[in-house]
Amino acid sequence: MARRRRSDEAGNPEYQRGDPMPIIEVDGLVKRFGEVEAVRGVSFEVREGEIFGFLGPNGAGKSTTIKILATLLLPTAGTARLAGFDVVRQPNQVRRAIGMVFQDPSLDDRLTAEQNLRFHAMLYGVPGDVARRRMDELLEMVELADRRGAKVRTFSGGMRRRLEIARGLLHSPRVLFLDEPTVGLDPQTRSRIWEYVRDLRQREGVTVFMTTHYLDEAEHCDRIAIIDHGRIVALDTPAALKSRVGGDVITIVTPDPQALAEGLRRRFGEDNVRVTGPRQVVVERDAGAEFVPRAVAAFPGLVEAVTVRQPTLDDVFLKLTGRAIRDEEASAVDRMRMSARFHGRVRR
């Protein structure tokens, strides 16, 4: 089915109802580890050609869900289909339909960029002439064509990440999984990586399923699923999620946050008041700039500093989960094992 896209003022594609078809379908997914239920009846769909974000704090079930979709774990209950294939009954077909870019490095730094790509092509059984054409196209896309003969150990972190993205696309997958794709990179390199991601979606038509703990990066997604304690607590576009916060976000520095919060609720009937630190109160309401002078006048001595801003996805996450997002729970060793297991299972 052809995709029909239109862009908003920010250039973000919006998907029209009923179009395109879902390429990932998850229904009632459950995963238990002994007495621990890591995933609790998760259901969602990812549309073909979409950039889909999966966000959650440590232990939320995010990594477990992705491992099931990548055929690295078996679900306890529920179903998951990717590109029309059941992840349990048809794992080999699923693996050939996906590309993986892991958070931790998985390139062989003793080999050249081209040798890393050729090895990947061999694992996936990509014919030689197709592999050569794809390597030329992808190295050009990620601006590494002039470094194809250089050993990876001479590459910067950003160059290695770009090469890993090229490798993940070499066998023309329908879905590309990006696990924390820009962790450890400087802001400029992070921005460039996202230019490549948006470009590859346009060029390749690939669906991108990503995780990140940089919530500003989630703005690049068409839709975001927020998962907490094994359940999806929200799934929508970034703009729609931010609209849940309600108006402006007013942060007040105060010597007595409990007294100020209670006073704001009593004096102004404010429901969206939270104590967020030992000297900080946050209020969510419309017309924040007009409200601030009234609050300062009403509580002399309790307001030391005030800031007013538009809501961000950080505010959404805090409001929905009650805590700030943190780094992924999986250790570097776990992720290296995940990478080795995945690539070791690919069969020609």
Protein backbone atom coordinates (compact mmCIF):
# COMPACT_ATOMS: atom_id res chain seq x y z
CA MET A 1 0.00 0.00 0.00
CA ALA A 2 1.39 3.39 -0.90
CA ARG A 3 2.07 5.80 1.93
CA ARG A 4 0.45 9.21 1.89
CA ARG A 5 2.20 11.76 4.07
CA ARG A 6 1.68 15.39 4.79
CA SER A 7 3.91 17.58 6.93
CA ASP A 8 3.11 20.03 9.66
CA GLU A 9 4.94 23.33 10.08
CA ALA A 10 7.82 21.57 11.83
CA GLY A 11 8.22 19.15 8.93
CA ASN A 12 7.05 16.13 10.91
CA PRO A 13 5.04 13.66 8.81
CA GLU A 14 1.52 12.95 9.99
CA TYR A 15 -0.05 9.65 9.04
CA GLN A 16 -3.58 9.68 7.77
CA ARG A 17 -6.09 7.40 9.37
CA GLY A 18 -6.04 3.86 7.98
CA ASP A 19 -2.89 4.45 5.95
CA PRO A 20 -0.31 2.92 5.97
CA MET A 21 -0.68 -0.66 7.23
CA PRO A 22 0.93 -1.78 10.50
CA ILE A 23 4.25 -3.60 10.11
CA ILE A 24 4.56 -4.51 13.82
CA GLU A 25 1.53 -5.89 15.66
CA VAL A 26 1.75 -6.71 19.37
CA ASP A 27 -1.24 -8.09 21.26
CA GLY A 28 -1.37 -8.90 24.97
CA LEU A 29 2.36 -9.53 25.24
CA VAL A 30 3.48 -10.93 28.60
CA LYS A 31 6.94 -11.91 29.80
CA ARG A 32 7.68 -13.39 33.22
CA PHE A 33 11.04 -14.20 34.76
CA GLY A 34 10.13 -16.43 37.65
CA GLU A 35 8.00 -14.33 39.99
CA VAL A 36 8.81 -11.10 38.14
CA GLU A 37 6.39 -9.97 35.43
CA ALA A 38 8.52 -7.69 33.25
CA VAL A 39 5.90 -7.12 30.53
CA ARG A 40 2.23 -7.05 31.49
CA GLY A 41 -0.15 -7.40 28.57
CA VAL A 42 1.43 -4.86 26.21
CA SER A 43 -0.47 -4.15 22.96
CA PHE A 44 0.47 -1.69 20.21
CA GLU A 45 1.04 -1.33 16.49
CA VAL A 46 3.81 0.35 14.51
CA ARG A 47 2.90 1.63 11.06
CA GLU A 48 4.97 0.99 7.98
CA GLY A 49 7.42 3.82 7.30
CA GLU A 50 6.97 5.28 10.79
CA ILE A 51 9.65 6.49 13.21
CA PHE A 52 8.38 5.00 16.45
CA GLY A 53 9.85 5.76 19.86
CA PHE A 54 9.79 3.47 22.90
CA LEU A 55 10.49 5.23 26.19
CA GLY A 56 10.60 4.01 29.76
CA PRO A 57 12.59 4.11 32.98
CA ASN A 58 14.78 1.31 34.30
CA GLY A 59 12.89 -1.95 34.63
CA ALA A 60 9.86 -0.70 32.71
CA GLY A 61 9.84 -3.60 30.23
CA LYS A 62 11.14 -1.67 27.25
CA SER A 63 14.25 -3.77 26.60
CA THR A 64 12.38 -7.01 27.22
CA THR A 65 9.72 -6.10 24.66
CA ILE A 66 12.31 -5.26 22.01
CA LYS A 67 14.20 -8.51 22.66
CA ILE A 68 10.97 -10.42 22.05
CA LEU A 69 10.38 -8.54 18.78
CA ALA A 70 13.97 -9.32 17.73
CA THR A 71 13.43 -13.04 18.55
CA LEU A 72 16.01 -12.94 21.36
CA LEU A 73 13.42 -13.86 24.02
CA LEU A 74 10.29 -15.99 23.93
CA PRO A 75 7.11 -14.39 25.31
CA THR A 76 5.25 -16.01 28.19
CA ALA A 77 1.90 -15.11 26.62
CA GLY A 78 0.45 -12.95 23.87
CA THR A 79 1.48 -12.58 20.24
CA ALA A 80 3.78 -10.39 18.19
CA ARG A 81 4.05 -10.20 14.42
CA LEU A 82 6.65 -8.33 12.39
CA ALA A 83 6.34 -7.85 8.63
CA GLY A 84 3.57 -10.46 8.73
CA PHE A 85 5.72 -13.09 10.48
CA ASP A 86 5.08 -14.50 13.95
CA VAL A 87 8.13 -13.88 16.16
CA VAL A 88 7.77 -17.30 17.84
CA ARG A 89 6.79 -19.55 14.94
CA GLN A 90 8.79 -17.80 12.17
CA PRO A 91 11.92 -16.39 13.86
CA ASN A 92 14.24 -16.76 10.86
CA GLN A 93 11.90 -14.73 8.63
CA VAL A 94 11.62 -12.07 11.31
CA ARG A 95 15.41 -11.82 11.68
CA ARG A 96 15.86 -11.32 7.96
CA ALA A 97 13.24 -8.56 7.98
CA ILE A 98 14.98 -6.48 10.65
CA GLY A 99 18.21 -4.57 11.09
CA MET A 100 19.74 -3.94 14.52
CA VAL A 101 21.90 -1.09 15.77
CA PHE A 102 22.87 -1.80 19.37
CA GLN A 103 23.83 0.81 21.93
CA ASP A 104 27.26 -0.65 22.56
CA PRO A 105 29.79 -1.01 19.73
CA SER A 106 29.48 -4.24 17.76
CA LEU A 107 31.84 -3.56 14.86
CA ASP A 108 35.18 -5.37 14.51
CA ASP A 109 37.63 -2.50 14.83
CA ARG A 110 40.45 -4.61 13.37
CA LEU A 111 38.61 -4.71 10.05
CA THR A 112 37.99 -1.91 7.59
CA ALA A 113 34.58 -0.34 7.10
CA GLU A 114 34.11 -2.28 3.87
CA GLN A 115 35.19 -5.57 5.46
CA ASN A 116 32.65 -5.13 8.26
CA LEU A 117 29.91 -4.58 5.68
CA ARG A 118 31.02 -7.55 3.56
CA PHE A 119 30.96 -9.85 6.59
CA HIS A 120 27.42 -8.70 7.39
CA ALA A 121 26.36 -9.32 3.78
CA MET A 122 27.73 -12.87 4.00
CA LEU A 123 25.79 -13.55 7.22
CA TYR A 124 22.56 -12.49 5.52
CA GLY A 125 23.28 -14.18 2.22
CA VAL A 126 23.18 -10.96 0.21
CA PRO A 127 24.38 -11.72 -3.37
CA GLY A 128 27.77 -10.21 -4.24
CA ASP A 129 26.56 -7.76 -6.89
CA VAL A 130 23.70 -6.58 -4.66
CA ALA A 131 26.05 -6.23 -1.68
CA ARG A 132 28.51 -4.11 -3.69
CA ARG A 133 25.77 -1.78 -4.90
CA ARG A 134 24.26 -1.47 -1.43
CA MET A 135 27.65 -0.79 0.16
CA ASP A 136 28.34 1.99 -2.33
CA GLU A 137 24.92 3.57 -1.73
CA LEU A 138 25.03 3.33 2.06
CA LEU A 139 28.63 4.47 2.53
CA GLU A 140 27.80 7.48 0.38
CA MET A 141 24.66 8.17 2.42
CA VAL A 142 26.52 8.15 5.75
CA GLU A 143 29.46 10.09 4.28
CA LEU A 144 32.01 7.34 4.75
CA ALA A 145 32.73 6.44 1.13
CA ASP A 146 36.21 7.98 1.33
CA ARG A 147 36.97 5.92 4.47
CA ARG A 148 35.76 2.55 3.25
CA GLY A 149 39.30 1.13 3.26
CA ALA A 150 40.22 2.51 6.70
CA LYS A 151 40.21 0.34 9.81
CA VAL A 152 37.33 1.02 12.18
CA ARG A 153 39.72 1.55 15.10
CA THR A 154 40.68 4.87 13.45
CA PHE A 155 37.04 6.08 13.41
CA SER A 156 35.46 8.52 15.85
CA GLY A 157 32.39 7.50 17.86
CA GLY A 158 30.08 9.28 15.43
CA MET A 159 31.69 7.62 12.41
CA ARG A 160 31.32 4.19 14.00
CA ARG A 161 27.65 4.85 14.73
CA ARG A 162 27.06 5.91 11.12
CA LEU A 163 28.79 2.75 9.90
CA GLU A 164 26.63 0.63 12.21
CA ILE A 165 23.51 2.24 10.73
CA ALA A 166 24.79 1.48 7.22
CA ARG A 167 25.46 -2.13 8.26
CA GLY A 168 21.99 -2.49 9.72
CA LEU A 169 20.50 -1.40 6.38
CA LEU A 170 22.74 -3.47 4.12
CA HIS A 171 20.34 -6.38 3.70
CA SER A 172 17.39 -4.01 3.02
CA PRO A 173 15.39 -4.70 6.20
CA ARG A 174 11.82 -3.53 6.52
CA VAL A 175 12.32 -2.53 10.18
CA LEU A 176 15.44 -0.96 11.71
CA PHE A 177 15.81 -1.18 15.50
CA LEU A 178 17.95 1.58 17.03
CA ASP A 179 18.84 0.99 20.69
CA GLU A 180 19.95 4.31 22.18
CA PRO A 181 21.49 5.32 18.82
CA THR A 182 23.28 8.46 20.00
CA VAL A 183 24.34 7.59 23.56
CA GLY A 184 27.77 8.97 24.38
CA LEU A 185 27.90 11.24 21.34
CA ASP A 186 28.29 15.02 21.43
CA PRO A 187 25.23 17.20 20.57
CA GLN A 188 26.47 18.06 17.08
CA THR A 189 27.06 14.41 16.19
CA ARG A 190 23.70 13.45 17.69
CA SER A 191 22.04 16.00 15.41
CA ARG A 192 23.85 14.59 12.37
CA ILE A 193 22.82 11.02 13.24
CA TRP A 194 19.19 12.12 13.26
CA GLU A 195 19.62 13.73 9.86
CA TYR A 196 20.74 10.31 8.58
CA VAL A 197 17.80 8.58 10.25
CA ARG A 198 15.26 10.93 8.67
CA ASP A 199 17.02 10.66 5.32
CA LEU A 200 17.10 6.87 5.34
CA ARG A 201 13.36 6.77 6.09
CA GLN A 202 12.77 8.87 2.99
CA ARG A 203 15.25 6.96 0.82
CA GLU A 204 14.65 3.41 1.99
CA GLY A 205 11.05 3.57 3.20
CA VAL A 206 12.24 1.69 6.27
CA THR A 207 10.32 1.65 9.55
CA VAL A 208 12.45 2.86 12.47
CA PHE A 209 11.82 1.55 16.00
CA MET A 210 14.02 3.35 18.50
CA THR A 211 14.69 3.63 22.19
CA THR A 212 16.28 6.65 23.80
CA HIS A 213 16.63 8.30 27.18
CA TYR A 214 17.24 11.67 25.51
CA LEU A 215 13.66 12.89 25.50
CA ASP A 216 14.51 15.78 23.19
CA GLU A 217 15.35 13.16 20.59
CA ALA A 218 11.87 11.69 20.88
CA GLU A 219 10.64 14.83 19.13
CA HIS A 220 11.94 13.20 15.94
CA CYS A 221 9.41 10.36 16.31
CA ASP A 222 6.04 10.26 14.61
CA ARG A 223 4.60 8.53 17.68
CA ILE A 224 5.91 7.59 21.12
CA ALA A 225 4.94 4.78 23.47
CA ILE A 226 5.73 5.38 27.14
CA ILE A 227 6.03 2.15 29.10
CA ASP A 228 6.15 1.90 32.89
CA HIS A 229 6.04 -1.15 35.17
CA GLY A 230 5.50 -3.39 32.16
CA ARG A 231 2.48 -1.49 30.80
CA ILE A 232 2.11 1.18 28.14
CA VAL A 233 0.76 4.25 29.90
CA ALA A 234 0.58 6.52 26.85
CA LEU A 235 0.96 6.25 23.08
CA ASP A 236 0.55 9.28 20.83
CA THR A 237 2.36 11.92 18.81
CA PRO A 238 4.83 14.15 20.67
CA ALA A 239 2.50 17.15 20.29
CA ALA A 240 -0.51 15.26 21.62
CA LEU A 241 1.46 13.91 24.59
CA LYS A 242 2.68 17.38 25.53
CA SER A 243 -0.88 18.70 25.38
CA ARG A 244 -1.67 16.40 28.32
CA VAL A 245 0.49 18.51 30.63
CA GLY A 246 -1.94 21.41 30.36
CA GLY A 247 -0.73 24.89 29.48
CA ASP A 248 2.57 26.37 30.63
CA VAL A 249 4.98 24.83 33.11
CA ILE A 250 5.79 27.24 35.95
CA THR A 251 8.75 26.33 38.18
CA ILE A 252 8.99 28.20 41.50
CA VAL A 253 11.99 28.18 43.82
CA THR A 254 10.80 28.53 47.41
CA PRO A 255 12.16 28.01 50.95
CA ASP A 256 9.00 26.11 51.93
CA PRO A 257 7.62 24.09 48.99
CA GLN A 258 4.91 22.30 51.00
CA ALA A 259 3.49 25.56 52.34
CA LEU A 260 3.56 27.20 48.91
CA ALA A 261 1.94 24.21 47.20
CA GLU A 262 -0.88 24.09 49.75
CA GLY A 263 -1.33 27.85 49.49
CA LEU A 264 -1.57 27.76 45.69
CA ARG A 265 -4.18 25.02 45.83
CA ARG A 266 -6.22 26.86 48.45
CA ARG A 267 -5.90 30.42 47.10
CA PHE A 268 -6.18 29.77 43.37
CA GLY A 269 -7.84 26.35 43.23
CA GLU A 270 -4.83 24.93 41.39
CA ASP A 271 -4.99 21.16 40.96
CA ASN A 272 -1.82 20.72 38.89
CA VAL A 273 0.65 21.64 41.64
CA ARG A 274 3.55 19.32 42.50
CA VAL A 275 6.46 19.54 44.91
CA THR A 276 9.37 18.33 42.76
CA GLY A 277 12.34 19.07 45.02
CA PRO A 278 13.45 20.33 48.43
CA ARG A 279 13.07 23.93 47.22
CA GLN A 280 10.92 23.58 44.12
CA VAL A 281 7.23 23.63 43.18
CA VAL A 282 5.87 23.09 39.66
CA VAL A 283 2.50 24.43 38.50
CA GLU A 284 0.83 23.54 35.20
CA ARG A 285 -1.72 26.03 33.92
CA ASP A 286 -2.70 28.21 30.98
CA ALA A 287 -1.48 31.81 30.71
CA GLY A 288 1.49 31.21 32.97
CA ALA A 289 2.99 34.68 32.43
CA GLU A 290 -0.22 36.28 33.73
CA PHE A 291 -0.41 33.96 36.73
CA VAL A 292 3.14 34.58 38.03
CA PRO A 293 2.63 38.19 39.29
CA ARG A 294 -0.50 37.12 41.15
CA ALA A 295 1.32 34.24 42.84
CA VAL A 296 4.26 36.42 43.83
CA ALA A 297 1.95 39.06 45.31
CA ALA A 298 -0.14 36.46 47.17
CA PHE A 299 2.82 34.76 48.87
CA PRO A 300 5.47 37.34 49.77
CA GLY A 301 8.67 35.74 51.01
CA LEU A 302 7.78 32.31 49.63
CA VAL A 303 8.73 32.97 45.99
CA GLU A 304 12.47 33.37 45.35
CA ALA A 305 12.63 32.69 41.61
CA VAL A 306 10.21 31.76 38.83
CA THR A 307 10.55 30.37 35.30
CA VAL A 308 7.77 29.87 32.74
CA ARG A 309 8.12 27.59 29.70
CA GLN A 310 6.22 25.41 27.31
CA PRO A 311 5.83 21.74 28.29
CA THR A 312 8.37 19.20 27.09
CA LEU A 313 8.34 15.43 26.89
CA ASP A 314 10.29 15.40 30.16
CA ASP A 315 7.22 16.95 31.81
CA VAL A 316 4.97 14.34 30.18
CA PHE A 317 7.16 11.49 31.38
CA LEU A 318 7.32 12.82 34.92
CA LYS A 319 3.57 13.36 35.04
CA LEU A 320 2.71 9.90 33.72
CA THR A 321 5.27 7.84 35.62
CA GLY A 322 5.98 9.95 38.68
CA ARG A 323 9.74 9.89 38.13
CA ALA A 324 12.39 11.08 35.68
CA ILE A 325 13.67 8.83 32.94
CA ARG A 326 17.02 7.22 33.62
CA ASP A 327 19.64 5.35 31.65
CA GLU A 328 18.88 1.89 30.30
CA GLU A 329 19.04 -0.89 32.87
CA ALA A 330 20.94 -3.34 30.68
CA SER A 331 24.67 -3.47 31.30
CA ALA A 332 27.22 -3.19 28.52
CA VAL A 333 27.91 -6.93 28.90
CA ASP A 334 24.22 -7.74 28.48
CA ARG A 335 24.02 -5.70 25.30
CA MET A 336 27.17 -7.27 23.86
CA ARG A 337 25.65 -10.70 24.54
CA MET A 338 22.42 -9.57 22.90
CA SER A 339 24.33 -8.48 19.78
CA ALA A 340 26.33 -11.70 19.60
CA ARG A 341 23.25 -13.88 20.06
CA PHE A 342 21.32 -12.02 17.36
CA HIS A 343 24.03 -12.11 14.70
CA GLY A 344 24.89 -15.71 15.59
CA ARG A 345 21.32 -16.80 14.88
CA VAL A 346 21.14 -15.38 11.35
CA ARG A 347 21.08 -18.23 8.85
CA ARG A 348 21.47 -18.10 5.12
